Amino acid sequence: MKRKITLLFVIIGLCSILIMVGGIGYRNITIKETTKSKEVGDFILHMYIENADKGVKVYSSLQYIGEGTIKLKHQEPLISVVSGNQRHFFSGETKTKQLNHGNIYHPFSDGNKFEISRKTANELHFEARFKVDDEEIIIKHSERLQFE
């Protein structure tokens, strides 16, 4: 009976060590933090990628640089960010946002978080999809993460 209990504690200890080492390994992965912008027509898609615990955090916004005032209509999310081969998904009720020249629309203030690994290709895909005057505008960008 004592041998079974001792063996159980040894197994639990080894599993704990493996979990801790695995967790520390994830924390040591860092990327080059990146700021990108892509201009399409009267709009600029701004993207910022930073290091986060066990991965990266992504922030994005849309800036209107055209003349006058517009009404932008979109579903959620305004800017979809996915990793790898995932597909973009837009749904829900249509939202309307009025923008003037220079306005920046920040749909998510806390960012999207993605886990990363050196074992897989780490590429993020951005897609902004919205309408202005019933004309659909799509802005796409892909960013391959660069490890430090």
C-alpha atoms as a PDB file:
ATOM      1  CA  MET A   1       0.000   0.000   0.000  1.00  0.00           C
ATOM      2  CA  LYS A   2       2.822   2.411   0.892  1.00  0.00           C
ATOM      3  CA  ARG A   3       4.529   1.642  -2.423  1.00  0.00           C
ATOM      4  CA  LYS A   4       1.370   2.533  -4.353  1.00  0.00           C
ATOM      5  CA  ILE A   5       1.070   5.858  -2.518  1.00  0.00           C
ATOM      6  CA  THR A   6       4.755   6.613  -3.068  1.00  0.00           C
ATOM      7  CA  LEU A   7       4.463   5.722  -6.758  1.00  0.00           C
ATOM      8  CA  LEU A   8       1.384   7.959  -7.056  1.00  0.00           C
ATOM      9  CA  PHE A   9       3.285  10.920  -5.525  1.00  0.00           C
ATOM     10  CA  VAL A  10       6.246  10.334  -7.851  1.00  0.00           C
ATOM     11  CA  ILE A  11       3.945  10.290 -10.899  1.00  0.00           C
ATOM     12  CA  ILE A  12       2.153  13.455  -9.732  1.00  0.00           C
ATOM     13  CA  GLY A  13       5.522  15.151  -9.135  1.00  0.00           C
ATOM     14  CA  LEU A  14       6.819  14.239 -12.590  1.00  0.00           C
ATOM     15  CA  CYS A  15       3.615  15.448 -14.242  1.00  0.00           C
ATOM     16  CA  SER A  16       3.848  18.746 -12.326  1.00  0.00           C
ATOM     17  CA  ILE A  17       7.440  19.246 -13.471  1.00  0.00           C
ATOM     18  CA  LEU A  18       6.493  18.550 -17.096  1.00  0.00           C
ATOM     19  CA  ILE A  19       3.601  21.005 -16.917  1.00  0.00           C
ATOM     20  CA  MET A  20       5.807  23.711 -15.383  1.00  0.00           C
ATOM     21  CA  VAL A  21       8.569  23.223 -17.956  1.00  0.00           C
ATOM     22  CA  GLY A  22       6.027  23.283 -20.785  1.00  0.00           C
ATOM     23  CA  GLY A  23       4.493  26.505 -19.459  1.00  0.00           C
ATOM     24  CA  ILE A  24       7.869  28.188 -19.080  1.00  0.00           C
ATOM     25  CA  GLY A  25       8.750  27.198 -22.648  1.00  0.00           C
ATOM     26  CA  TYR A  26       5.685  29.031 -23.954  1.00  0.00           C
ATOM     27  CA  ARG A  27       6.551  32.188 -22.032  1.00  0.00           C
ATOM     28  CA  ASN A  28      10.009  32.339 -23.596  1.00  0.00           C
ATOM     29  CA  ILE A  29       8.625  32.581 -27.137  1.00  0.00           C
ATOM     30  CA  THR A  30       8.645  36.208 -28.212  1.00  0.00           C
ATOM     31  CA  ILE A  31       7.983  37.874 -31.527  1.00  0.00           C
ATOM     32  CA  LYS A  32       9.075  41.133 -33.054  1.00  0.00           C
ATOM     33  CA  GLU A  33       6.250  43.489 -32.147  1.00  0.00           C
ATOM     34  CA  THR A  34       4.731  44.816 -35.347  1.00  0.00           C
ATOM     35  CA  THR A  35       2.766  47.850 -36.446  1.00  0.00           C
ATOM     36  CA  LYS A  36       1.299  47.753 -39.953  1.00  0.00           C
ATOM     37  CA  SER A  37      -1.136  49.872 -41.944  1.00  0.00           C
ATOM     38  CA  LYS A  38      -2.902  49.073 -45.197  1.00  0.00           C
ATOM     39  CA  GLU A  39      -4.606  51.831 -47.166  1.00  0.00           C
ATOM     40  CA  VAL A  40      -7.498  51.004 -49.486  1.00  0.00           C
ATOM     41  CA  GLY A  41      -9.460  53.884 -50.990  1.00  0.00           C
ATOM     42  CA  ASP A  42     -10.593  56.267 -48.242  1.00  0.00           C
ATOM     43  CA  PHE A  43      -9.685  53.855 -45.409  1.00  0.00           C
ATOM     44  CA  ILE A  44      -6.609  52.697 -43.522  1.00  0.00           C
ATOM     45  CA  LEU A  45      -6.588  49.395 -41.649  1.00  0.00           C
ATOM     46  CA  HIS A  46      -4.212  49.769 -38.677  1.00  0.00           C
ATOM     47  CA  MET A  47      -2.790  46.612 -37.035  1.00  0.00           C
ATOM     48  CA  TYR A  48      -0.587  46.189 -33.966  1.00  0.00           C
ATOM     49  CA  ILE A  49       0.771  42.844 -32.735  1.00  0.00           C
ATOM     50  CA  GLU A  50       2.467  42.568 -29.330  1.00  0.00           C
ATOM     51  CA  ASN A  51       3.788  39.828 -27.062  1.00  0.00           C
ATOM     52  CA  ALA A  52       1.435  38.416 -24.446  1.00  0.00           C
ATOM     53  CA  ASP A  53       1.578  35.555 -21.960  1.00  0.00           C
ATOM     54  CA  LYS A  54       1.823  32.324 -24.035  1.00  0.00           C
ATOM     55  CA  GLY A  55       1.196  34.120 -27.308  1.00  0.00           C
ATOM     56  CA  VAL A  56       0.420  37.428 -28.937  1.00  0.00           C
ATOM     57  CA  LYS A  57      -2.219  40.104 -28.562  1.00  0.00           C
ATOM     58  CA  VAL A  58      -3.598  41.825 -31.649  1.00  0.00           C
ATOM     59  CA  TYR A  59      -5.212  45.253 -31.871  1.00  0.00           C
ATOM     60  CA  SER A  60      -6.795  46.692 -35.003  1.00  0.00           C
ATOM     61  CA  SER A  61      -8.710  49.787 -36.033  1.00  0.00           C
ATOM     62  CA  LEU A  62     -10.113  51.439 -39.135  1.00  0.00           C
ATOM     63  CA  GLN A  63      -9.405  55.069 -40.046  1.00  0.00           C
ATOM     64  CA  TYR A  64     -11.462  57.152 -42.479  1.00  0.00           C
ATOM     65  CA  ILE A  65      -9.318  59.545 -44.540  1.00  0.00           C
ATOM     66  CA  GLY A  66     -11.898  60.612 -47.131  1.00  0.00           C
ATOM     67  CA  GLU A  67     -13.723  63.924 -47.367  1.00  0.00           C
ATOM     68  CA  GLY A  68     -16.985  64.719 -45.639  1.00  0.00           C
ATOM     69  CA  THR A  69     -19.065  62.516 -43.355  1.00  0.00           C
ATOM     70  CA  ILE A  70     -19.998  58.906 -44.067  1.00  0.00           C
ATOM     71  CA  LYS A  71     -22.134  56.215 -42.480  1.00  0.00           C
ATOM     72  CA  LEU A  72     -20.288  52.923 -42.248  1.00  0.00           C
ATOM     73  CA  LYS A  73     -22.379  49.753 -41.802  1.00  0.00           C
ATOM     74  CA  HIS A  74     -20.966  46.436 -40.615  1.00  0.00           C
ATOM     75  CA  GLN A  75     -21.641  43.186 -38.830  1.00  0.00           C
ATOM     76  CA  GLU A  76     -19.519  41.896 -35.956  1.00  0.00           C
ATOM     77  CA  PRO A  77     -16.631  41.960 -35.959  1.00  0.00           C
ATOM     78  CA  LEU A  78     -15.753  44.957 -38.119  1.00  0.00           C
ATOM     79  CA  ILE A  79     -12.223  43.559 -38.383  1.00  0.00           C
ATOM     80  CA  SER A  80     -11.841  39.802 -38.154  1.00  0.00           C
ATOM     81  CA  VAL A  81      -8.453  38.370 -37.142  1.00  0.00           C
ATOM     82  CA  VAL A  82      -7.780  34.634 -37.471  1.00  0.00           C
ATOM     83  CA  SER A  83      -4.678  32.467 -37.352  1.00  0.00           C
ATOM     84  CA  GLY A  84      -3.538  29.754 -39.715  1.00  0.00           C
ATOM     85  CA  ASN A  85      -6.273  28.217 -41.858  1.00  0.00           C
ATOM     86  CA  GLN A  86      -9.224  29.462 -39.806  1.00  0.00           C
ATOM     87  CA  ARG A  87     -12.027  31.208 -41.685  1.00  0.00           C
ATOM     88  CA  HIS A  88     -13.351  34.693 -41.086  1.00  0.00           C
ATOM     89  CA  PHE A  89     -16.899  34.800 -39.721  1.00  0.00           C
ATOM     90  CA  PHE A  90     -19.129  37.891 -39.673  1.00  0.00           C
ATOM     91  CA  SER A  91     -22.587  37.771 -38.095  1.00  0.00           C
ATOM     92  CA  GLY A  92     -25.218  39.568 -36.088  1.00  0.00           C
ATOM     93  CA  GLU A  93     -27.192  42.717 -36.593  1.00  0.00           C
ATOM     94  CA  THR A  94     -25.843  45.448 -38.828  1.00  0.00           C
ATOM     95  CA  LYS A  95     -24.275  48.300 -36.877  1.00  0.00           C
ATOM     96  CA  THR A  96     -23.924  51.842 -38.162  1.00  0.00           C
ATOM     97  CA  LYS A  97     -21.080  54.210 -37.304  1.00  0.00           C
ATOM     98  CA  GLN A  98     -20.774  57.815 -38.523  1.00  0.00           C
ATOM     99  CA  LEU A  99     -17.221  58.842 -39.401  1.00  0.00           C
ATOM    100  CA  ASN A 100     -15.642  62.158 -40.349  1.00  0.00           C
ATOM    101  CA  HIS A 101     -12.260  62.759 -41.991  1.00  0.00           C
ATOM    102  CA  GLY A 102      -9.499  61.426 -39.715  1.00  0.00           C
ATOM    103  CA  ASN A 103     -11.793  59.468 -37.352  1.00  0.00           C
ATOM    104  CA  ILE A 104     -10.441  56.140 -36.132  1.00  0.00           C
ATOM    105  CA  TYR A 105     -12.933  53.385 -35.315  1.00  0.00           C
ATOM    106  CA  HIS A 106     -11.671  51.021 -32.565  1.00  0.00           C
ATOM    107  CA  PRO A 107     -14.072  48.064 -32.498  1.00  0.00           C
ATOM    108  CA  PHE A 108     -12.198  46.104 -29.770  1.00  0.00           C
ATOM    109  CA  SER A 109     -10.210  47.913 -27.107  1.00  0.00           C
ATOM    110  CA  ASP A 110      -8.836  44.827 -25.295  1.00  0.00           C
ATOM    111  CA  GLY A 111      -7.469  43.075 -28.399  1.00  0.00           C
ATOM    112  CA  ASN A 112      -7.574  39.466 -29.589  1.00  0.00           C
ATOM    113  CA  LYS A 113      -5.228  36.894 -28.085  1.00  0.00           C
ATOM    114  CA  PHE A 114      -3.611  34.018 -29.997  1.00  0.00           C
ATOM    115  CA  GLU A 115      -1.331  31.262 -28.715  1.00  0.00           C
ATOM    116  CA  ILE A 116       1.833  30.720 -30.728  1.00  0.00           C
ATOM    117  CA  SER A 117       4.315  27.897 -31.095  1.00  0.00           C
ATOM    118  CA  ARG A 118       7.614  27.486 -32.900  1.00  0.00           C
ATOM    119  CA  LYS A 119       6.304  24.150 -34.249  1.00  0.00           C
ATOM    120  CA  THR A 120       3.623  25.657 -36.476  1.00  0.00           C
ATOM    121  CA  ALA A 121       3.484  28.393 -39.093  1.00  0.00           C
ATOM    122  CA  ASN A 122       2.290  31.489 -37.279  1.00  0.00           C
ATOM    123  CA  GLU A 123       0.427  33.725 -39.662  1.00  0.00           C
ATOM    124  CA  LEU A 124      -2.407  36.086 -38.790  1.00  0.00           C
ATOM    125  CA  HIS A 125      -5.040  37.073 -41.335  1.00  0.00           C
ATOM    126  CA  PHE A 126      -6.961  40.351 -41.041  1.00  0.00           C
ATOM    127  CA  GLU A 127     -10.180  41.129 -42.879  1.00  0.00           C
ATOM    128  CA  ALA A 128     -12.266  44.286 -42.521  1.00  0.00           C
ATOM    129  CA  ARG A 129     -15.674  44.024 -44.154  1.00  0.00           C
ATOM    130  CA  PHE A 130     -18.172  46.904 -44.249  1.00  0.00           C
ATOM    131  CA  LYS A 131     -20.459  48.978 -46.481  1.00  0.00           C
ATOM    132  CA  VAL A 132     -20.535  52.673 -47.318  1.00  0.00           C
ATOM    133  CA  ASP A 133     -23.424  53.899 -49.490  1.00  0.00           C
ATOM    134  CA  ASP A 134     -24.375  50.245 -50.169  1.00  0.00           C
ATOM    135  CA  GLU A 135     -20.899  49.568 -51.653  1.00  0.00           C
ATOM    136  CA  GLU A 136     -19.159  46.643 -49.941  1.00  0.00           C
ATOM    137  CA  ILE A 137     -15.525  47.306 -49.040  1.00  0.00           C
ATOM    138  CA  ILE A 138     -13.178  44.499 -48.021  1.00  0.00           C
ATOM    139  CA  ILE A 139      -9.644  45.084 -46.777  1.00  0.00           C
ATOM    140  CA  LYS A 140      -7.427  42.009 -46.335  1.00  0.00           C
ATOM    141  CA  HIS A 141      -3.925  41.637 -44.926  1.00  0.00           C
ATOM    142  CA  SER A 142      -1.813  38.645 -43.808  1.00  0.00           C
ATOM    143  CA  GLU A 143       1.099  38.953 -41.404  1.00  0.00           C
ATOM    144  CA  ARG A 144       3.657  36.224 -40.700  1.00  0.00           C
ATOM    145  CA  LEU A 145       4.956  36.493 -37.139  1.00  0.00           C
ATOM    146  CA  GLN A 146       8.709  36.934 -36.817  1.00  0.00           C
ATOM    147  CA  PHE A 147      10.315  35.324 -33.756  1.00  0.00           C
ATOM    148  CA  GLU A 148      13.072  37.155 -31.884  1.00  0.00           C
END
